[in-house]
Amino acid sequence: MTFSKIVISLISGVNTYIGCWFLLNAFHILQSSKYSKTATIVFAFIFLTMGILGIYLTFEKNNTRAAFWVGFGPWILSLVFMLIVMLSSDYK
């Protein structure tokens, strides 16, 4: 295994772990989420799918460049989603 595959595997593993954590919060098995239920479900979907896709691209397709971008994709998408929620919601 090359160094890039190890790094991408770690990033995808962390994404999958975080996605499982958000999914357990969405089903109220864990009750440690400070976000709304909708945001928790969106984060679970983004992190789980992109984490699994990163692992698939790394080991099945041997496309480390695409797997690298997919690995960082959930972080970028979740920051954009949080920014949209903050700008569009009415905080009192």
PDB file of N, CA and C in Angstrom:
ATOM      1  N   MET A   1       0.839  -1.182   0.000  1.00  0.00           N
ATOM      2  CA  MET A   1       0.000   0.000   0.000  1.00  0.00           C
ATOM      3  C   MET A   1       0.881   1.241   0.000  1.00  0.00           C
ATOM      4  N   THR A   2       0.493   2.172  -0.810  1.00  0.00           N
ATOM      5  CA  THR A   2       1.249   3.413  -0.874  1.00  0.00           C
ATOM      6  C   THR A   2       0.787   4.374   0.208  1.00  0.00           C
ATOM      7  N   PHE A   3       1.565   5.412   0.405  1.00  0.00           N
ATOM      8  CA  PHE A   3       1.255   6.408   1.417  1.00  0.00           C
ATOM      9  C   PHE A   3      -0.076   7.101   1.126  1.00  0.00           C
ATOM     10  N   SER A   4      -0.335   7.382  -0.142  1.00  0.00           N
ATOM     11  CA  SER A   4      -1.591   8.064  -0.492  1.00  0.00           C
ATOM     12  C   SER A   4      -2.801   7.191  -0.191  1.00  0.00           C
ATOM     13  N   LYS A   5      -2.703   5.883  -0.422  1.00  0.00           N
ATOM     14  CA  LYS A   5      -3.826   4.995  -0.108  1.00  0.00           C
ATOM     15  C   LYS A   5      -4.074   4.924   1.395  1.00  0.00           C
ATOM     16  N   ILE A   6      -3.008   4.979   2.179  1.00  0.00           N
ATOM     17  CA  ILE A   6      -3.163   4.959   3.633  1.00  0.00           C
ATOM     18  C   ILE A   6      -3.855   6.229   4.116  1.00  0.00           C
ATOM     19  N   VAL A   7      -3.437   7.378   3.595  1.00  0.00           N
ATOM     20  CA  VAL A   7      -4.045   8.653   3.992  1.00  0.00           C
ATOM     21  C   VAL A   7      -5.512   8.704   3.570  1.00  0.00           C
ATOM     22  N   ILE A   8      -5.798   8.287   2.351  1.00  0.00           N
ATOM     23  CA  ILE A   8      -7.178   8.302   1.865  1.00  0.00           C
ATOM     24  C   ILE A   8      -8.038   7.315   2.652  1.00  0.00           C
ATOM     25  N   SER A   9      -7.471   6.184   3.010  1.00  0.00           N
ATOM     26  CA  SER A   9      -8.215   5.219   3.826  1.00  0.00           C
ATOM     27  C   SER A   9      -8.546   5.790   5.189  1.00  0.00           C
ATOM     28  N   LEU A  10      -7.605   6.502   5.790  1.00  0.00           N
ATOM     29  CA  LEU A  10      -7.872   7.139   7.087  1.00  0.00           C
ATOM     30  C   LEU A  10      -8.956   8.203   6.973  1.00  0.00           C
ATOM     31  N   ILE A  11      -8.876   9.025   5.940  1.00  0.00           N
ATOM     32  CA  ILE A  11      -9.879  10.074   5.750  1.00  0.00           C
ATOM     33  C   ILE A  11     -11.251   9.454   5.501  1.00  0.00           C
ATOM     34  N   SER A  12     -11.313   8.439   4.655  1.00  0.00           N
ATOM     35  CA  SER A  12     -12.594   7.791   4.367  1.00  0.00           C
ATOM     36  C   SER A  12     -13.127   7.049   5.589  1.00  0.00           C
ATOM     37  N   GLY A  13     -12.232   6.470   6.375  1.00  0.00           N
ATOM     38  CA  GLY A  13     -12.652   5.810   7.606  1.00  0.00           C
ATOM     39  C   GLY A  13     -13.238   6.782   8.613  1.00  0.00           C
ATOM     40  N   VAL A  14     -12.617   7.948   8.738  1.00  0.00           N
ATOM     41  CA  VAL A  14     -13.145   8.985   9.634  1.00  0.00           C
ATOM     42  C   VAL A  14     -14.496   9.472   9.131  1.00  0.00           C
ATOM     43  N   ASN A  15     -14.625   9.653   7.818  1.00  0.00           N
ATOM     44  CA  ASN A  15     -15.909  10.089   7.255  1.00  0.00           C
ATOM     45  C   ASN A  15     -17.004   9.062   7.512  1.00  0.00           C
ATOM     46  N   THR A  16     -16.679   7.787   7.350  1.00  0.00           N
ATOM     47  CA  THR A  16     -17.663   6.732   7.599  1.00  0.00           C
ATOM     48  C   THR A  16     -18.036   6.673   9.072  1.00  0.00           C
ATOM     49  N   TYR A  17     -17.053   6.828   9.953  1.00  0.00           N
ATOM     50  CA  TYR A  17     -17.324   6.835  11.396  1.00  0.00           C
ATOM     51  C   TYR A  17     -18.242   8.000  11.774  1.00  0.00           C
ATOM     52  N   ILE A  18     -17.947   9.178  11.258  1.00  0.00           N
ATOM     53  CA  ILE A  18     -18.774  10.352  11.560  1.00  0.00           C
ATOM     54  C   ILE A  18     -20.177  10.173  10.981  1.00  0.00           C
ATOM     55  N   GLY A  19     -20.268   9.584   9.781  1.00  0.00           N
ATOM     56  CA  GLY A  19     -21.580   9.314   9.193  1.00  0.00           C
ATOM     57  C   GLY A  19     -22.393   8.347  10.031  1.00  0.00           C
ATOM     58  N   CYS A  20     -21.751   7.308  10.562  1.00  0.00           N
ATOM     59  CA  CYS A  20     -22.460   6.368  11.451  1.00  0.00           C
ATOM     60  C   CYS A  20     -22.895   7.064  12.733  1.00  0.00           C
ATOM     61  N   TRP A  21     -22.059   7.943  13.249  1.00  0.00           N
ATOM     62  CA  TRP A  21     -22.388   8.674  14.471  1.00  0.00           C
ATOM     63  C   TRP A  21     -23.615   9.568  14.239  1.00  0.00           C
ATOM     64  N   PHE A  22     -23.653  10.274  13.108  1.00  0.00           N
ATOM     65  CA  PHE A  22     -24.813  11.107  12.792  1.00  0.00           C
ATOM     66  C   PHE A  22     -26.055  10.246  12.550  1.00  0.00           C
ATOM     67  N   LEU A  23     -25.880   9.080  11.923  1.00  0.00           N
ATOM     68  CA  LEU A  23     -27.020   8.195  11.683  1.00  0.00           C
ATOM     69  C   LEU A  23     -27.605   7.676  12.995  1.00  0.00           C
ATOM     70  N   LEU A  24     -26.746   7.316  13.939  1.00  0.00           N
ATOM     71  CA  LEU A  24     -27.234   6.870  15.246  1.00  0.00           C
ATOM     72  C   LEU A  24     -27.943   8.007  15.988  1.00  0.00           C
ATOM     73  N   ASN A  25     -27.470   9.231  15.796  1.00  0.00           N
ATOM     74  CA  ASN A  25     -28.160  10.382  16.383  1.00  0.00           C
ATOM     75  C   ASN A  25     -29.507  10.621  15.708  1.00  0.00           C
ATOM     76  N   ALA A  26     -29.589  10.369  14.424  1.00  0.00           N
ATOM     77  CA  ALA A  26     -30.851  10.578  13.711  1.00  0.00           C
ATOM     78  C   ALA A  26     -31.911   9.579  14.171  1.00  0.00           C
ATOM     79  N   PHE A  27     -31.488   8.368  14.535  1.00  0.00           N
ATOM     80  CA  PHE A  27     -32.420   7.348  15.024  1.00  0.00           C
ATOM     81  C   PHE A  27     -32.610   7.409  16.538  1.00  0.00           C
ATOM     82  N   HIS A  28     -32.049   8.414  17.190  1.00  0.00           N
ATOM     83  CA  HIS A  28     -32.149   8.636  18.635  1.00  0.00           C
ATOM     84  C   HIS A  28     -31.543   7.506  19.464  1.00  0.00           C
ATOM     85  N   ILE A  29     -30.613   6.772  18.890  1.00  0.00           N
ATOM     86  CA  ILE A  29     -29.868   5.793  19.677  1.00  0.00           C
ATOM     87  C   ILE A  29     -28.829   6.529  20.502  1.00  0.00           C
ATOM     88  N   LEU A  30     -28.111   7.436  19.862  1.00  0.00           N
ATOM     89  CA  LEU A  30     -27.271   8.393  20.578  1.00  0.00           C
ATOM     90  C   LEU A  30     -28.054   9.691  20.660  1.00  0.00           C
ATOM     91  N   GLN A  31     -27.899  10.410  21.720  1.00  0.00           N
ATOM     92  CA  GLN A  31     -28.601  11.688  21.840  1.00  0.00           C
ATOM     93  C   GLN A  31     -27.606  12.789  22.157  1.00  0.00           C
ATOM     94  N   SER A  32     -26.560  12.858  21.340  1.00  0.00           N
ATOM     95  CA  SER A  32     -25.513  13.830  21.584  1.00  0.00           C
ATOM     96  C   SER A  32     -25.399  14.880  20.483  1.00  0.00           C
ATOM     97  N   SER A  33     -26.352  14.925  19.568  1.00  0.00           N
ATOM     98  CA  SER A  33     -26.286  15.877  18.475  1.00  0.00           C
ATOM     99  C   SER A  33     -26.875  17.215  18.897  1.00  0.00           C
ATOM    100  N   LYS A  34     -26.183  18.278  18.513  1.00  0.00           N
ATOM    101  CA  LYS A  34     -26.682  19.613  18.820  1.00  0.00           C
ATOM    102  C   LYS A  34     -27.357  20.258  17.610  1.00  0.00           C
ATOM    103  N   TYR A  35     -27.481  19.497  16.525  1.00  0.00           N
ATOM    104  CA  TYR A  35     -28.102  20.001  15.309  1.00  0.00           C
ATOM    105  C   TYR A  35     -29.536  19.509  15.216  1.00  0.00           C
ATOM    106  N   SER A  36     -30.298  20.103  14.315  1.00  0.00           N
ATOM    107  CA  SER A  36     -31.681  19.662  14.117  1.00  0.00           C
ATOM    108  C   SER A  36     -31.702  18.272  13.486  1.00  0.00           C
ATOM    109  N   LYS A  37     -32.864  17.645  13.521  1.00  0.00           N
ATOM    110  CA  LYS A  37     -32.978  16.290  12.970  1.00  0.00           C
ATOM    111  C   LYS A  37     -32.713  16.286  11.471  1.00  0.00           C
ATOM    112  N   THR A  38     -33.183  17.300  10.759  1.00  0.00           N
ATOM    113  CA  THR A  38     -32.954  17.379   9.314  1.00  0.00           C
ATOM    114  C   THR A  38     -31.469  17.503   9.009  1.00  0.00           C
ATOM    115  N   ALA A  39     -30.788  18.385   9.727  1.00  0.00           N
ATOM    116  CA  ALA A  39     -29.359  18.566   9.502  1.00  0.00           C
ATOM    117  C   ALA A  39     -28.593  17.292   9.846  1.00  0.00           C
ATOM    118  N   THR A  40     -29.004  16.612  10.905  1.00  0.00           N
ATOM    119  CA  THR A  40     -28.331  15.374  11.293  1.00  0.00           C
ATOM    120  C   THR A  40     -28.492  14.301  10.220  1.00  0.00           C
ATOM    121  N   ILE A  41     -29.671  14.197   9.635  1.00  0.00           N
ATOM    122  CA  ILE A  41     -29.896  13.217   8.565  1.00  0.00           C
ATOM    123  C   ILE A  41     -29.091  13.580   7.322  1.00  0.00           C
ATOM    124  N   VAL A  42     -29.036  14.858   6.984  1.00  0.00           N
ATOM    125  CA  VAL A  42     -28.252  15.291   5.822  1.00  0.00           C
ATOM    126  C   VAL A  42     -26.771  14.995   6.044  1.00  0.00           C
ATOM    127  N   PHE A  43     -26.259  15.304   7.230  1.00  0.00           N
ATOM    128  CA  PHE A  43     -24.853  15.025   7.526  1.00  0.00           C
ATOM    129  C   PHE A  43     -24.569  13.532   7.500  1.00  0.00           C
ATOM    130  N   ALA A  44     -25.486  12.722   8.026  1.00  0.00           N
ATOM    131  CA  ALA A  44     -25.302  11.266   8.009  1.00  0.00           C
ATOM    132  C   ALA A  44     -25.224  10.755   6.578  1.00  0.00           C
ATOM    133  N   PHE A  45     -26.124  11.228   5.731  1.00  0.00           N
ATOM    134  CA  PHE A  45     -26.132  10.796   4.335  1.00  0.00           C
ATOM    135  C   PHE A  45     -24.855  11.215   3.616  1.00  0.00           C
ATOM    136  N   ILE A  46     -24.451  12.470   3.797  1.00  0.00           N
ATOM    137  CA  ILE A  46     -23.258  12.973   3.106  1.00  0.00           C
ATOM    138  C   ILE A  46     -22.014  12.217   3.552  1.00  0.00           C
ATOM    139  N   PHE A  47     -21.802  12.108   4.854  1.00  0.00           N
ATOM    140  CA  PHE A  47     -20.573  11.491   5.341  1.00  0.00           C
ATOM    141  C   PHE A  47     -20.532   9.993   5.050  1.00  0.00           C
ATOM    142  N   LEU A  48     -21.657   9.299   5.230  1.00  0.00           N
ATOM    143  CA  LEU A  48     -21.656   7.852   4.974  1.00  0.00           C
ATOM    144  C   LEU A  48     -21.433   7.538   3.496  1.00  0.00           C
ATOM    145  N   THR A  49     -22.174   8.183   2.624  1.00  0.00           N
ATOM    146  CA  THR A  49     -22.042   7.859   1.204  1.00  0.00           C
ATOM    147  C   THR A  49     -20.677   8.240   0.660  1.00  0.00           C
ATOM    148  N   MET A  50     -20.174   9.400   1.036  1.00  0.00           N
ATOM    149  CA  MET A  50     -18.879   9.808   0.496  1.00  0.00           C
ATOM    150  C   MET A  50     -17.724   9.053   1.148  1.00  0.00           C
ATOM    151  N   GLY A  51     -17.885   8.620   2.397  1.00  0.00           N
ATOM    152  CA  GLY A  51     -16.864   7.783   3.020  1.00  0.00           C
ATOM    153  C   GLY A  51     -16.774   6.423   2.360  1.00  0.00           C
ATOM    154  N   ILE A  52     -17.928   5.810   2.115  1.00  0.00           N
ATOM    155  CA  ILE A  52     -17.954   4.502   1.451  1.00  0.00           C
ATOM    156  C   ILE A  52     -17.475   4.626   0.007  1.00  0.00           C
ATOM    157  N   LEU A  53     -17.857   5.711  -0.671  1.00  0.00           N
ATOM    158  CA  LEU A  53     -17.404   5.933  -2.050  1.00  0.00           C
ATOM    159  C   LEU A  53     -15.887   6.124  -2.100  1.00  0.00           C
ATOM    160  N   GLY A  54     -15.322   6.817  -1.110  1.00  0.00           N
ATOM    161  CA  GLY A  54     -13.874   6.998  -1.063  1.00  0.00           C
ATOM    162  C   GLY A  54     -13.139   5.683  -0.895  1.00  0.00           C
ATOM    163  N   ILE A  55     -13.659   4.810  -0.042  1.00  0.00           N
ATOM    164  CA  ILE A  55     -13.047   3.491   0.136  1.00  0.00           C
ATOM    165  C   ILE A  55     -13.166   2.670  -1.154  1.00  0.00           C
ATOM    166  N   TYR A  56     -14.326   2.738  -1.790  1.00  0.00           N
ATOM    167  CA  TYR A  56     -14.531   2.012  -3.049  1.00  0.00           C
ATOM    168  C   TYR A  56     -13.584   2.499  -4.138  1.00  0.00           C
ATOM    169  N   LEU A  57     -13.455   3.813  -4.280  1.00  0.00           N
ATOM    170  CA  LEU A  57     -12.568   4.351  -5.314  1.00  0.00           C
ATOM    171  C   LEU A  57     -11.111   4.016  -5.043  1.00  0.00           C
ATOM    172  N   THR A  58     -10.740   3.956  -3.777  1.00  0.00           N
ATOM    173  CA  THR A  58      -9.350   3.673  -3.436  1.00  0.00           C
ATOM    174  C   THR A  58      -8.980   2.229  -3.741  1.00  0.00           C
ATOM    175  N   PHE A  59      -9.796   1.288  -3.294  1.00  0.00           N
ATOM    176  CA  PHE A  59      -9.392  -0.108  -3.367  1.00  0.00           C
ATOM    177  C   PHE A  59      -9.929  -0.859  -4.585  1.00  0.00           C
ATOM    178  N   GLU A  60     -11.061  -0.492  -5.107  1.00  0.00           N
ATOM    179  CA  GLU A  60     -11.621  -1.201  -6.257  1.00  0.00           C
ATOM    180  C   GLU A  60     -11.192  -0.583  -7.585  1.00  0.00           C
ATOM    181  N   LYS A  61     -11.260   0.735  -7.660  1.00  0.00           N
ATOM    182  CA  LYS A  61     -10.954   1.409  -8.923  1.00  0.00           C
ATOM    183  C   LYS A  61      -9.510   1.915  -9.002  1.00  0.00           C
ATOM    184  N   ASN A  62      -8.800   1.922  -7.884  1.00  0.00           N
ATOM    185  CA  ASN A  62      -7.418   2.423  -7.803  1.00  0.00           C
ATOM    186  C   ASN A  62      -7.293   3.847  -8.339  1.00  0.00           C
ATOM    187  N   ASN A  63      -8.289   4.662  -8.080  1.00  0.00           N
ATOM    188  CA  ASN A  63      -8.297   6.053  -8.503  1.00  0.00           C
ATOM    189  C   ASN A  63      -8.104   6.918  -7.256  1.00  0.00           C
ATOM    190  N   THR A  64      -6.852   7.133  -6.888  1.00  0.00           N
ATOM    191  CA  THR A  64      -6.575   7.848  -5.639  1.00  0.00           C
ATOM    192  C   THR A  64      -6.889   9.336  -5.737  1.00  0.00           C
ATOM    193  N   ARG A  65      -6.760   9.906  -6.920  1.00  0.00           N
ATOM    194  CA  ARG A  65      -7.051  11.336  -7.059  1.00  0.00           C
ATOM    195  C   ARG A  65      -8.534  11.621  -6.805  1.00  0.00           C
ATOM    196  N   ALA A  66      -9.404  10.839  -7.408  1.00  0.00           N
ATOM    197  CA  ALA A  66     -10.842  11.018  -7.186  1.00  0.00           C
ATOM    198  C   ALA A  66     -11.210  10.683  -5.750  1.00  0.00           C
ATOM    199  N   ALA A  67     -10.588   9.657  -5.184  1.00  0.00           N
ATOM    200  CA  ALA A  67     -10.874   9.277  -3.799  1.00  0.00           C
ATOM    201  C   ALA A  67     -10.435  10.367  -2.828  1.00  0.00           C
ATOM    202  N   PHE A  68      -9.352  11.049  -3.139  1.00  0.00           N
ATOM    203  CA  PHE A  68      -8.896  12.151  -2.298  1.00  0.00           C
ATOM    204  C   PHE A  68      -9.922  13.279  -2.271  1.00  0.00           C
ATOM    205  N   TRP A  69     -10.441  13.653  -3.437  1.00  0.00           N
ATOM    206  CA  TRP A  69     -11.434  14.724  -3.496  1.00  0.00           C
ATOM    207  C   TRP A  69     -12.754  14.295  -2.874  1.00  0.00           C
ATOM    208  N   VAL A  70     -13.119  13.039  -3.038  1.00  0.00           N
ATOM    209  CA  VAL A  70     -14.335  12.531  -2.405  1.00  0.00           C
ATOM    210  C   VAL A  70     -14.157  12.496  -0.889  1.00  0.00           C
ATOM    211  N   GLY A  71     -12.934  12.256  -0.422  1.00  0.00           N
ATOM    212  CA  GLY A  71     -12.665  12.240   1.010  1.00  0.00           C
ATOM    213  C   GLY A  71     -12.853  13.591   1.666  1.00  0.00           C
ATOM    214  N   PHE A  72     -12.495  14.648   0.967  1.00  0.00           N
ATOM    215  CA  PHE A  72     -12.672  15.983   1.525  1.00  0.00           C
ATOM    216  C   PHE A  72     -14.018  16.604   1.166  1.00  0.00           C
ATOM    217  N   GLY A  73     -14.759  15.966   0.297  1.00  0.00           N
ATOM    218  CA  GLY A  73     -16.063  16.471  -0.132  1.00  0.00           C
ATOM    219  C   GLY A  73     -17.071  16.666   0.979  1.00  0.00           C
ATOM    220  N   PRO A  74     -17.220  15.714   1.929  1.00  0.00           N
ATOM    221  CA  PRO A  74     -18.222  15.904   2.977  1.00  0.00           C
ATOM    222  C   PRO A  74     -17.951  17.112   3.858  1.00  0.00           C
ATOM    223  N   TRP A  75     -16.682  17.402   4.065  1.00  0.00           N
ATOM    224  CA  TRP A  75     -16.342  18.555   4.907  1.00  0.00           C
ATOM    225  C   TRP A  75     -16.729  19.852   4.221  1.00  0.00           C
ATOM    226  N   ILE A  76     -16.473  19.934   2.936  1.00  0.00           N
ATOM    227  CA  ILE A  76     -16.821  21.133   2.185  1.00  0.00           C
ATOM    228  C   ILE A  76     -18.341  21.272   2.082  1.00  0.00           C
ATOM    229  N   LEU A  77     -19.028  20.168   1.748  1.00  0.00           N
ATOM    230  CA  LEU A  77     -20.481  20.211   1.629  1.00  0.00           C
ATOM    231  C   LEU A  77     -21.164  20.521   2.959  1.00  0.00           C
ATOM    232  N   SER A  78     -20.654  19.975   4.053  1.00  0.00           N
ATOM    233  CA  SER A  78     -21.278  20.250   5.349  1.00  0.00           C
ATOM    234  C   SER A  78     -21.058  21.694   5.777  1.00  0.00           C
ATOM    235  N   LEU A  79     -19.896  22.272   5.464  1.00  0.00           N
ATOM    236  CA  LEU A  79     -19.678  23.685   5.777  1.00  0.00           C
ATOM    237  C   LEU A  79     -20.603  24.579   4.961  1.00  0.00           C
ATOM    238  N   VAL A  80     -20.797  24.250   3.693  1.00  0.00           N
ATOM    239  CA  VAL A  80     -21.719  25.022   2.853  1.00  0.00           C
ATOM    240  C   VAL A  80     -23.143  24.881   3.377  1.00  0.00           C
ATOM    241  N   PHE A  81     -23.546  23.663   3.753  1.00  0.00           N
ATOM    242  CA  PHE A  81     -24.887  23.433   4.290  1.00  0.00           C
ATOM    243  C   PHE A  81     -25.097  24.211   5.587  1.00  0.00           C
ATOM    244  N   MET A  82     -24.114  24.201   6.476  1.00  0.00           N
ATOM    245  CA  MET A  82     -24.239  24.948   7.734  1.00  0.00           C
ATOM    246  C   MET A  82     -24.315  26.448   7.481  1.00  0.00           C
ATOM    247  N   LEU A  83     -23.563  26.946   6.498  1.00  0.00           N
ATOM    248  CA  LEU A  83     -23.621  28.364   6.162  1.00  0.00           C
ATOM    249  C   LEU A  83     -24.995  28.745   5.633  1.00  0.00           C
ATOM    250  N   ILE A  84     -25.568  27.911   4.777  1.00  0.00           N
ATOM    251  CA  ILE A  84     -26.907  28.181   4.244  1.00  0.00           C
ATOM    252  C   ILE A  84     -27.940  28.161   5.359  1.00  0.00           C
ATOM    253  N   VAL A  85     -27.836  27.200   6.269  1.00  0.00           N
ATOM    254  CA  VAL A  85     -28.782  27.119   7.384  1.00  0.00           C
ATOM    255  C   VAL A  85     -28.641  28.347   8.275  1.00  0.00           C
ATOM    256  N   MET A  86     -27.436  28.771   8.536  1.00  0.00           N
ATOM    257  CA  MET A  86     -27.237  29.952   9.392  1.00  0.00           C
ATOM    258  C   MET A  86     -27.777  31.224   8.737  1.00  0.00           C
ATOM    259  N   LEU A  87     -27.616  31.351   7.432  1.00  0.00           N
ATOM    260  CA  LEU A  87     -28.088  32.548   6.754  1.00  0.00           C
ATOM    261  C   LEU A  87     -29.594  32.569   6.543  1.00  0.00           C
ATOM    262  N   SER A  88     -30.199  31.399   6.414  1.00  0.00           N
ATOM    263  CA  SER A  88     -31.623  31.353   6.097  1.00  0.00           C
ATOM    264  C   SER A  88     -32.540  31.167   7.318  1.00  0.00           C
ATOM    265  N   SER A  89     -31.980  30.842   8.462  1.00  0.00           N
ATOM    266  CA  SER A  89     -32.838  30.608   9.632  1.00  0.00           C
ATOM    267  C   SER A  89     -33.019  31.888  10.452  1.00  0.00           C
ATOM    268  N   ASP A  90     -34.030  31.874  11.258  1.00  0.00           N
ATOM    269  CA  ASP A  90     -34.359  33.028  12.089  1.00  0.00           C
ATOM    270  C   ASP A  90     -34.001  32.713  13.540  1.00  0.00           C
ATOM    271  N   TYR A  91     -32.862  33.189  13.968  1.00  0.00           N
ATOM    272  CA  TYR A  91     -32.433  32.958  15.358  1.00  0.00           C
ATOM    273  C   TYR A  91     -32.982  34.043  16.251  1.00  0.00           C
ATOM    274  N   LYS A  92     -33.512  33.632  17.395  1.00  0.00           N
ATOM    275  CA  LYS A  92     -34.057  34.601  18.352  1.00  0.00           C
ATOM    276  C   LYS A  92     -33.399  34.429  19.690  1.00  0.00           C
TER     277      LYS A  92
END
